[in-house]
Amino acid sequence: MSGPLAGKVALVTGAARGIGRAIALKLAAEGADVAANYYNSAEEAETLCAEIRALGRRACAIQASVGIPDSVDELFEVFRQHFDRLDILVSNAASGVLKPTVEMTLKHWRWCMETNALALNLLTQRALPLMPSGGRILALSSLGASRAMPGYGFVGASKAALEALARALAQELGPRGFRVNVISAGVVDTDALAYFPNREQLLAGYAERAPAGPVLTPEDVAGAAYLLCLPEAAMINGHTLVVDGGYAISG
């Protein structure tokens, strides 16, 4: 199999479902071998890997909690059993608590910050020895990093921290051949959105306000991730790319 990413190796966290799954499949369809990280969704991760292998690519599923240093160490120990290098790192796994900010605790803060922001740094630190000539590092954010959303205060703060961290990494690692960017996705109807008490309102609002169309899919976000992995994107570094069909500019 050939493709623009032929011969590349990618690691996608939170790959079993939703946007992570779509990104893993897109990268594989364009030629990359893929390590698919998951936390709870073992069956879904193995199904994903079977689909990737059917495309003629190598794939493995690796369980880990990306916000815990020891678990990330274990992730890369398993990764090295399958691959001897890494070209594309996608920090997509996310979690959090959806409730009013004034009701949150220190435990909630650490949970959001460690899983959604610290993970990017932990993953990058462990990935560097496997990427001696540089590579592409992507992180997934959301519109809540720059907009106030009900019940999203701590998650939004962690996404804002993620974007700031990505800019710092882009500056530090750019001279070494790395390109570090963020994709900020709009309202995508994934399993994660089911946990939002105002899910239907969010989807309806998106459909009404997005000038590019009423539905944003995981595949739309995956397409943007793929574009940032191409050689033509070599001078895009430290950027947050908003993929929302124009929702955020519409009032």
C-alpha atoms as a PDB file:
ATOM      1  CA  MET A   1       0.000   0.000   0.000  1.00  0.00           C
ATOM      2  CA  SER A   2       1.186   3.511  -0.827  1.00  0.00           C
ATOM      3  CA  GLY A   3       0.051   6.923   0.337  1.00  0.00           C
ATOM      4  CA  PRO A   4       1.398  10.284   1.488  1.00  0.00           C
ATOM      5  CA  LEU A   5       2.121   8.810   4.932  1.00  0.00           C
ATOM      6  CA  ALA A   6       3.512   5.488   3.733  1.00  0.00           C
ATOM      7  CA  GLY A   7       6.221   4.230   6.065  1.00  0.00           C
ATOM      8  CA  LYS A   8       5.209   6.539   8.900  1.00  0.00           C
ATOM      9  CA  VAL A   9       4.316   5.322  12.393  1.00  0.00           C
ATOM     10  CA  ALA A  10       1.623   7.088  14.421  1.00  0.00           C
ATOM     11  CA  LEU A  11       0.527   6.872  18.028  1.00  0.00           C
ATOM     12  CA  VAL A  12      -3.021   8.082  18.696  1.00  0.00           C
ATOM     13  CA  THR A  13      -4.299   8.296  22.261  1.00  0.00           C
ATOM     14  CA  GLY A  14      -7.972   7.819  23.018  1.00  0.00           C
ATOM     15  CA  ALA A  15      -8.217   6.041  19.679  1.00  0.00           C
ATOM     16  CA  ALA A  16     -10.960   3.529  20.402  1.00  0.00           C
ATOM     17  CA  ARG A  17     -13.867   5.898  19.792  1.00  0.00           C
ATOM     18  CA  GLY A  18     -14.983   9.160  18.271  1.00  0.00           C
ATOM     19  CA  ILE A  19     -12.459  11.633  16.934  1.00  0.00           C
ATOM     20  CA  GLY A  20      -9.448   9.526  17.974  1.00  0.00           C
ATOM     21  CA  ARG A  21     -10.798   6.552  16.063  1.00  0.00           C
ATOM     22  CA  ALA A  22     -11.423   8.658  12.972  1.00  0.00           C
ATOM     23  CA  ILE A  23      -7.899  10.084  13.114  1.00  0.00           C
ATOM     24  CA  ALA A  24      -6.336   6.628  13.492  1.00  0.00           C
ATOM     25  CA  LEU A  25      -8.283   5.322  10.505  1.00  0.00           C
ATOM     26  CA  LYS A  26      -7.477   8.363   8.356  1.00  0.00           C
ATOM     27  CA  LEU A  27      -3.751   8.134   9.050  1.00  0.00           C
ATOM     28  CA  ALA A  28      -3.823   4.410   8.290  1.00  0.00           C
ATOM     29  CA  ALA A  29      -5.781   4.962   5.087  1.00  0.00           C
ATOM     30  CA  GLU A  30      -3.048   7.364   3.969  1.00  0.00           C
ATOM     31  CA  GLY A  31      -0.289   4.839   4.655  1.00  0.00           C
ATOM     32  CA  ALA A  32       0.703   5.042   8.315  1.00  0.00           C
ATOM     33  CA  ASP A  33       1.057   2.191  10.791  1.00  0.00           C
ATOM     34  CA  VAL A  34      -0.828   2.977  13.996  1.00  0.00           C
ATOM     35  CA  ALA A  35      -0.541   2.307  17.719  1.00  0.00           C
ATOM     36  CA  ALA A  36      -4.007   2.857  19.194  1.00  0.00           C
ATOM     37  CA  ASN A  37      -4.109   3.816  22.855  1.00  0.00           C
ATOM     38  CA  TYR A  38      -7.237   3.250  24.930  1.00  0.00           C
ATOM     39  CA  TYR A  39      -8.214   3.238  28.586  1.00  0.00           C
ATOM     40  CA  ASN A  40     -11.480   1.340  29.061  1.00  0.00           C
ATOM     41  CA  SER A  41     -12.544   0.414  25.533  1.00  0.00           C
ATOM     42  CA  ALA A  42     -10.430  -2.678  24.853  1.00  0.00           C
ATOM     43  CA  GLU A  43     -12.910  -4.350  22.491  1.00  0.00           C
ATOM     44  CA  GLU A  44     -13.393  -1.204  20.433  1.00  0.00           C
ATOM     45  CA  ALA A  45      -9.618  -0.686  20.224  1.00  0.00           C
ATOM     46  CA  GLU A  46      -9.061  -4.218  18.953  1.00  0.00           C
ATOM     47  CA  THR A  47     -11.830  -3.748  16.387  1.00  0.00           C
ATOM     48  CA  LEU A  48     -10.121  -0.576  15.212  1.00  0.00           C
ATOM     49  CA  CYS A  49      -6.806  -2.381  14.867  1.00  0.00           C
ATOM     50  CA  ALA A  50      -8.453  -5.105  12.805  1.00  0.00           C
ATOM     51  CA  GLU A  51      -9.808  -2.431  10.449  1.00  0.00           C
ATOM     52  CA  ILE A  52      -6.362  -0.865  10.142  1.00  0.00           C
ATOM     53  CA  ARG A  53      -4.749  -4.211   9.378  1.00  0.00           C
ATOM     54  CA  ALA A  54      -7.389  -4.782   6.703  1.00  0.00           C
ATOM     55  CA  LEU A  55      -6.004  -1.665   5.025  1.00  0.00           C
ATOM     56  CA  GLY A  56      -2.608  -3.359   4.859  1.00  0.00           C
ATOM     57  CA  ARG A  57      -1.067  -1.473   7.747  1.00  0.00           C
ATOM     58  CA  ARG A  58       0.389  -2.628  11.062  1.00  0.00           C
ATOM     59  CA  ALA A  59      -1.582  -1.841  14.215  1.00  0.00           C
ATOM     60  CA  CYS A  60      -1.564  -2.557  17.932  1.00  0.00           C
ATOM     61  CA  ALA A  61      -3.817  -1.569  20.835  1.00  0.00           C
ATOM     62  CA  ILE A  62      -2.171  -0.308  24.041  1.00  0.00           C
ATOM     63  CA  GLN A  63      -3.981   0.309  27.324  1.00  0.00           C
ATOM     64  CA  ALA A  64      -2.808   3.279  29.389  1.00  0.00           C
ATOM     65  CA  SER A  65      -4.021   6.276  31.359  1.00  0.00           C
ATOM     66  CA  VAL A  66      -2.250   9.177  29.667  1.00  0.00           C
ATOM     67  CA  GLY A  67      -2.262  11.558  32.630  1.00  0.00           C
ATOM     68  CA  ILE A  68      -0.300   9.196  34.902  1.00  0.00           C
ATOM     69  CA  PRO A  69       3.497   9.141  34.369  1.00  0.00           C
ATOM     70  CA  ASP A  70       3.981   5.463  35.232  1.00  0.00           C
ATOM     71  CA  SER A  71       1.163   4.468  32.908  1.00  0.00           C
ATOM     72  CA  VAL A  72       2.646   6.495  30.070  1.00  0.00           C
ATOM     73  CA  ASP A  73       5.972   4.740  30.691  1.00  0.00           C
ATOM     74  CA  GLU A  74       4.180   1.406  30.324  1.00  0.00           C
ATOM     75  CA  LEU A  75       2.497   2.630  27.145  1.00  0.00           C
ATOM     76  CA  PHE A  76       5.856   3.289  25.523  1.00  0.00           C
ATOM     77  CA  GLU A  77       7.316   0.018  26.772  1.00  0.00           C
ATOM     78  CA  VAL A  78       4.593  -1.821  24.873  1.00  0.00           C
ATOM     79  CA  PHE A  79       4.924   0.530  21.899  1.00  0.00           C
ATOM     80  CA  ARG A  80       8.598  -0.384  21.551  1.00  0.00           C
ATOM     81  CA  GLN A  81       7.664  -4.054  21.330  1.00  0.00           C
ATOM     82  CA  HIS A  82       5.884  -3.264  18.058  1.00  0.00           C
ATOM     83  CA  PHE A  83       7.710  -0.271  16.581  1.00  0.00           C
ATOM     84  CA  ASP A  84      11.262   1.083  16.708  1.00  0.00           C
ATOM     85  CA  ARG A  85      10.409   4.688  15.932  1.00  0.00           C
ATOM     86  CA  LEU A  86       7.581   7.222  15.929  1.00  0.00           C
ATOM     87  CA  ASP A  87       6.722   9.890  13.355  1.00  0.00           C
ATOM     88  CA  ILE A  88       3.299  11.210  14.399  1.00  0.00           C
ATOM     89  CA  LEU A  89       2.040  11.665  17.954  1.00  0.00           C
ATOM     90  CA  VAL A  90      -1.630  12.567  18.466  1.00  0.00           C
ATOM     91  CA  SER A  91      -2.646  13.494  22.017  1.00  0.00           C
ATOM     92  CA  ASN A  92      -6.406  13.058  21.790  1.00  0.00           C
ATOM     93  CA  ALA A  93      -7.504  11.244  24.974  1.00  0.00           C
ATOM     94  CA  ALA A  94      -9.541  13.517  27.242  1.00  0.00           C
ATOM     95  CA  SER A  95     -11.707  13.389  30.323  1.00  0.00           C
ATOM     96  CA  GLY A  96     -13.266  15.689  32.858  1.00  0.00           C
ATOM     97  CA  VAL A  97     -16.168  16.600  35.093  1.00  0.00           C
ATOM     98  CA  LEU A  98     -19.190  18.488  33.811  1.00  0.00           C
ATOM     99  CA  LYS A  99     -20.630  20.582  36.620  1.00  0.00           C
ATOM    100  CA  PRO A 100     -20.599  24.202  37.800  1.00  0.00           C
ATOM    101  CA  THR A 101     -17.105  25.497  38.456  1.00  0.00           C
ATOM    102  CA  VAL A 102     -17.944  26.641  41.996  1.00  0.00           C
ATOM    103  CA  GLU A 103     -18.830  23.037  42.891  1.00  0.00           C
ATOM    104  CA  MET A 104     -15.519  21.594  41.759  1.00  0.00           C
ATOM    105  CA  THR A 105     -12.770  20.230  44.007  1.00  0.00           C
ATOM    106  CA  LEU A 106      -8.999  19.891  43.860  1.00  0.00           C
ATOM    107  CA  LYS A 107      -9.487  16.282  42.753  1.00  0.00           C
ATOM    108  CA  HIS A 108     -11.574  17.453  39.797  1.00  0.00           C
ATOM    109  CA  TRP A 109      -8.944  20.059  38.895  1.00  0.00           C
ATOM    110  CA  ARG A 110      -6.137  17.518  38.886  1.00  0.00           C
ATOM    111  CA  TRP A 111      -8.213  15.030  36.927  1.00  0.00           C
ATOM    112  CA  CYS A 112      -8.923  17.553  34.159  1.00  0.00           C
ATOM    113  CA  MET A 113      -5.469  19.096  34.060  1.00  0.00           C
ATOM    114  CA  GLU A 114      -3.514  15.852  34.190  1.00  0.00           C
ATOM    115  CA  THR A 115      -5.552  14.015  31.564  1.00  0.00           C
ATOM    116  CA  ASN A 116      -6.180  16.899  29.185  1.00  0.00           C
ATOM    117  CA  ALA A 117      -3.029  19.022  29.478  1.00  0.00           C
ATOM    118  CA  LEU A 118      -0.199  17.302  31.337  1.00  0.00           C
ATOM    119  CA  ALA A 119      -0.621  14.241  29.108  1.00  0.00           C
ATOM    120  CA  LEU A 120       0.736  16.141  26.102  1.00  0.00           C
ATOM    121  CA  ASN A 121       3.980  16.840  27.930  1.00  0.00           C
ATOM    122  CA  LEU A 122       4.275  13.304  29.326  1.00  0.00           C
ATOM    123  CA  LEU A 123       3.728  11.796  25.885  1.00  0.00           C
ATOM    124  CA  THR A 124       6.135  14.190  24.204  1.00  0.00           C
ATOM    125  CA  GLN A 125       8.890  13.510  26.731  1.00  0.00           C
ATOM    126  CA  ARG A 126       8.649   9.752  26.184  1.00  0.00           C
ATOM    127  CA  ALA A 127       8.304  10.113  22.418  1.00  0.00           C
ATOM    128  CA  LEU A 128      11.408  12.236  21.822  1.00  0.00           C
ATOM    129  CA  PRO A 129      13.925   9.345  21.858  1.00  0.00           C
ATOM    130  CA  LEU A 130      11.813   7.619  19.205  1.00  0.00           C
ATOM    131  CA  MET A 131      11.729  10.744  17.020  1.00  0.00           C
ATOM    132  CA  PRO A 132      15.424  11.700  16.610  1.00  0.00           C
ATOM    133  CA  SER A 133      14.823  13.578  13.355  1.00  0.00           C
ATOM    134  CA  GLY A 134      11.647  15.304  14.485  1.00  0.00           C
ATOM    135  CA  GLY A 135       8.050  14.663  13.526  1.00  0.00           C
ATOM    136  CA  ARG A 136       4.497  15.892  13.961  1.00  0.00           C
ATOM    137  CA  ILE A 137       2.831  16.309  17.347  1.00  0.00           C
ATOM    138  CA  LEU A 138      -0.887  17.100  17.444  1.00  0.00           C
ATOM    139  CA  ALA A 139      -3.216  17.758  20.353  1.00  0.00           C
ATOM    140  CA  LEU A 140      -7.006  17.957  20.398  1.00  0.00           C
ATOM    141  CA  SER A 141      -8.662  20.916  22.056  1.00  0.00           C
ATOM    142  CA  SER A 142     -12.172  22.368  21.992  1.00  0.00           C
ATOM    143  CA  LEU A 143     -13.965  25.691  21.715  1.00  0.00           C
ATOM    144  CA  GLY A 144     -14.302  25.667  25.516  1.00  0.00           C
ATOM    145  CA  ALA A 145     -10.657  26.740  25.709  1.00  0.00           C
ATOM    146  CA  SER A 146     -11.666  30.251  24.651  1.00  0.00           C
ATOM    147  CA  ARG A 147     -15.431  30.385  25.251  1.00  0.00           C
ATOM    148  CA  ALA A 148     -17.462  30.077  28.440  1.00  0.00           C
ATOM    149  CA  MET A 149     -19.698  26.996  28.319  1.00  0.00           C
ATOM    150  CA  PRO A 150     -22.078  25.852  31.094  1.00  0.00           C
ATOM    151  CA  GLY A 151     -20.585  23.093  33.226  1.00  0.00           C
ATOM    152  CA  TYR A 152     -17.342  23.152  31.260  1.00  0.00           C
ATOM    153  CA  GLY A 153     -15.195  25.418  33.431  1.00  0.00           C
ATOM    154  CA  PHE A 154     -12.448  23.026  34.529  1.00  0.00           C
ATOM    155  CA  VAL A 155     -12.368  21.162  31.212  1.00  0.00           C
ATOM    156  CA  GLY A 156     -12.182  24.459  29.350  1.00  0.00           C
ATOM    157  CA  ALA A 157      -9.353  25.633  31.596  1.00  0.00           C
ATOM    158  CA  SER A 158      -7.451  22.408  30.941  1.00  0.00           C
ATOM    159  CA  LYS A 159      -7.913  22.817  27.180  1.00  0.00           C
ATOM    160  CA  ALA A 160      -6.638  26.396  27.374  1.00  0.00           C
ATOM    161  CA  ALA A 161      -3.609  25.084  29.272  1.00  0.00           C
ATOM    162  CA  LEU A 162      -3.151  22.430  26.586  1.00  0.00           C
ATOM    163  CA  GLU A 163      -3.050  25.068  23.849  1.00  0.00           C
ATOM    164  CA  ALA A 164      -0.509  27.157  25.789  1.00  0.00           C
ATOM    165  CA  LEU A 165       1.638  24.074  26.400  1.00  0.00           C
ATOM    166  CA  ALA A 166       1.557  23.185  22.701  1.00  0.00           C
ATOM    167  CA  ARG A 167       2.814  26.657  21.807  1.00  0.00           C
ATOM    168  CA  ALA A 168       5.694  26.272  24.260  1.00  0.00           C
ATOM    169  CA  LEU A 169       6.604  22.863  22.849  1.00  0.00           C
ATOM    170  CA  ALA A 170       6.407  24.228  19.307  1.00  0.00           C
ATOM    171  CA  GLN A 171       8.919  26.926  20.195  1.00  0.00           C
ATOM    172  CA  GLU A 172      11.263  24.574  22.038  1.00  0.00           C
ATOM    173  CA  LEU A 173      11.161  21.695  19.581  1.00  0.00           C
ATOM    174  CA  GLY A 174      10.784  23.535  16.283  1.00  0.00           C
ATOM    175  CA  PRO A 175      14.561  23.804  15.689  1.00  0.00           C
ATOM    176  CA  ARG A 176      14.797  20.030  16.127  1.00  0.00           C
ATOM    177  CA  GLY A 177      12.418  19.282  13.275  1.00  0.00           C
ATOM    178  CA  PHE A 178       9.178  19.015  15.228  1.00  0.00           C
ATOM    179  CA  ARG A 179       5.915  20.706  14.366  1.00  0.00           C
ATOM    180  CA  VAL A 180       3.505  20.960  17.280  1.00  0.00           C
ATOM    181  CA  ASN A 181      -0.060  22.037  16.566  1.00  0.00           C
ATOM    182  CA  VAL A 182      -3.533  21.886  18.067  1.00  0.00           C
ATOM    183  CA  ILE A 183      -6.879  21.123  16.481  1.00  0.00           C
ATOM    184  CA  SER A 184      -9.832  22.770  18.200  1.00  0.00           C
ATOM    185  CA  ALA A 185     -12.970  20.923  17.200  1.00  0.00           C
ATOM    186  CA  GLY A 186     -16.485  22.286  17.254  1.00  0.00           C
ATOM    187  CA  VAL A 187     -19.580  20.388  18.350  1.00  0.00           C
ATOM    188  CA  VAL A 188     -19.149  16.791  17.181  1.00  0.00           C
ATOM    189  CA  ASP A 189     -21.792  14.200  18.054  1.00  0.00           C
ATOM    190  CA  THR A 190     -19.570  11.535  19.619  1.00  0.00           C
ATOM    191  CA  ASP A 191     -20.051   9.257  22.635  1.00  0.00           C
ATOM    192  CA  ALA A 192     -18.439  11.949  24.778  1.00  0.00           C
ATOM    193  CA  LEU A 193     -21.156  14.457  23.882  1.00  0.00           C
ATOM    194  CA  ALA A 194     -23.757  12.119  25.370  1.00  0.00           C
ATOM    195  CA  TYR A 195     -22.482  13.125  28.832  1.00  0.00           C
ATOM    196  CA  PHE A 196     -23.398  16.764  28.276  1.00  0.00           C
ATOM    197  CA  PRO A 197     -26.764  17.579  29.872  1.00  0.00           C
ATOM    198  CA  ASN A 198     -27.389  20.140  27.112  1.00  0.00           C
ATOM    199  CA  ARG A 199     -26.384  17.830  24.243  1.00  0.00           C
ATOM    200  CA  GLU A 200     -29.469  18.467  22.136  1.00  0.00           C
ATOM    201  CA  GLN A 201     -29.155  22.215  22.628  1.00  0.00           C
ATOM    202  CA  LEU A 202     -25.494  22.127  21.571  1.00  0.00           C
ATOM    203  CA  LEU A 203     -26.271  20.154  18.413  1.00  0.00           C
ATOM    204  CA  ALA A 204     -29.205  22.382  17.526  1.00  0.00           C
ATOM    205  CA  GLY A 205     -27.144  25.512  18.106  1.00  0.00           C
ATOM    206  CA  TYR A 206     -24.371  24.195  15.929  1.00  0.00           C
ATOM    207  CA  ALA A 207     -26.772  23.259  13.130  1.00  0.00           C
ATOM    208  CA  GLU A 208     -28.260  26.747  13.219  1.00  0.00           C
ATOM    209  CA  ARG A 209     -25.045  28.759  13.379  1.00  0.00           C
ATOM    210  CA  ALA A 210     -22.402  26.871  11.368  1.00  0.00           C
ATOM    211  CA  PRO A 211     -22.322  28.415   7.872  1.00  0.00           C
ATOM    212  CA  ALA A 212     -20.485  25.428   6.358  1.00  0.00           C
ATOM    213  CA  GLY A 213     -23.243  22.956   7.233  1.00  0.00           C
ATOM    214  CA  PRO A 214     -25.385  21.561  10.046  1.00  0.00           C
ATOM    215  CA  VAL A 215     -23.230  18.556  10.977  1.00  0.00           C
ATOM    216  CA  LEU A 216     -19.575  18.273  12.008  1.00  0.00           C
ATOM    217  CA  THR A 217     -18.246  14.704  11.926  1.00  0.00           C
ATOM    218  CA  PRO A 218     -15.198  13.016  13.468  1.00  0.00           C
ATOM    219  CA  GLU A 219     -13.979  12.475   9.917  1.00  0.00           C
ATOM    220  CA  ASP A 220     -13.941  16.248   9.344  1.00  0.00           C
ATOM    221  CA  VAL A 221     -11.600  16.636  12.309  1.00  0.00           C
ATOM    222  CA  ALA A 222      -9.500  13.676  11.176  1.00  0.00           C
ATOM    223  CA  GLY A 223      -9.053  15.315   7.794  1.00  0.00           C
ATOM    224  CA  ALA A 224      -7.544  18.370   9.463  1.00  0.00           C
ATOM    225  CA  ALA A 225      -5.183  16.182  11.477  1.00  0.00           C
ATOM    226  CA  TYR A 226      -4.061  14.487   8.285  1.00  0.00           C
ATOM    227  CA  LEU A 227      -3.396  17.836   6.601  1.00  0.00           C
ATOM    228  CA  LEU A 228      -1.114  18.892   9.467  1.00  0.00           C
ATOM    229  CA  CYS A 229       0.917  15.713   8.955  1.00  0.00           C
ATOM    230  CA  LEU A 230       1.695  16.425   5.303  1.00  0.00           C
ATOM    231  CA  PRO A 231       5.022  17.871   4.106  1.00  0.00           C
ATOM    232  CA  GLU A 232       3.130  20.883   2.782  1.00  0.00           C
ATOM    233  CA  ALA A 233       2.327  21.829   6.402  1.00  0.00           C
ATOM    234  CA  ALA A 234       5.996  22.028   7.370  1.00  0.00           C
ATOM    235  CA  MET A 235       5.807  25.727   8.266  1.00  0.00           C
ATOM    236  CA  ILE A 236       2.688  25.452  10.421  1.00  0.00           C
ATOM    237  CA  ASN A 237       3.937  25.344  13.993  1.00  0.00           C
ATOM    238  CA  GLY A 238       2.407  26.370  17.310  1.00  0.00           C
ATOM    239  CA  HIS A 239      -0.968  26.946  15.684  1.00  0.00           C
ATOM    240  CA  THR A 240      -4.458  26.136  16.937  1.00  0.00           C
ATOM    241  CA  LEU A 241      -6.560  25.168  13.922  1.00  0.00           C
ATOM    242  CA  VAL A 242     -10.286  25.592  14.517  1.00  0.00           C
ATOM    243  CA  VAL A 243     -12.395  22.971  12.734  1.00  0.00           C
ATOM    244  CA  ASP A 244     -16.011  23.943  13.326  1.00  0.00           C
ATOM    245  CA  GLY A 245     -17.524  24.941   9.993  1.00  0.00           C
ATOM    246  CA  GLY A 246     -17.507  28.576  11.049  1.00  0.00           C
ATOM    247  CA  TYR A 247     -19.580  28.075  14.207  1.00  0.00           C
ATOM    248  CA  ALA A 248     -17.303  30.179  16.415  1.00  0.00           C
ATOM    249  CA  ILE A 249     -17.411  33.187  14.097  1.00  0.00           C
ATOM    250  CA  SER A 250     -21.191  33.248  13.872  1.00  0.00           C
ATOM    251  CA  GLY A 251     -22.215  35.270  16.909  1.00  0.00           C
END
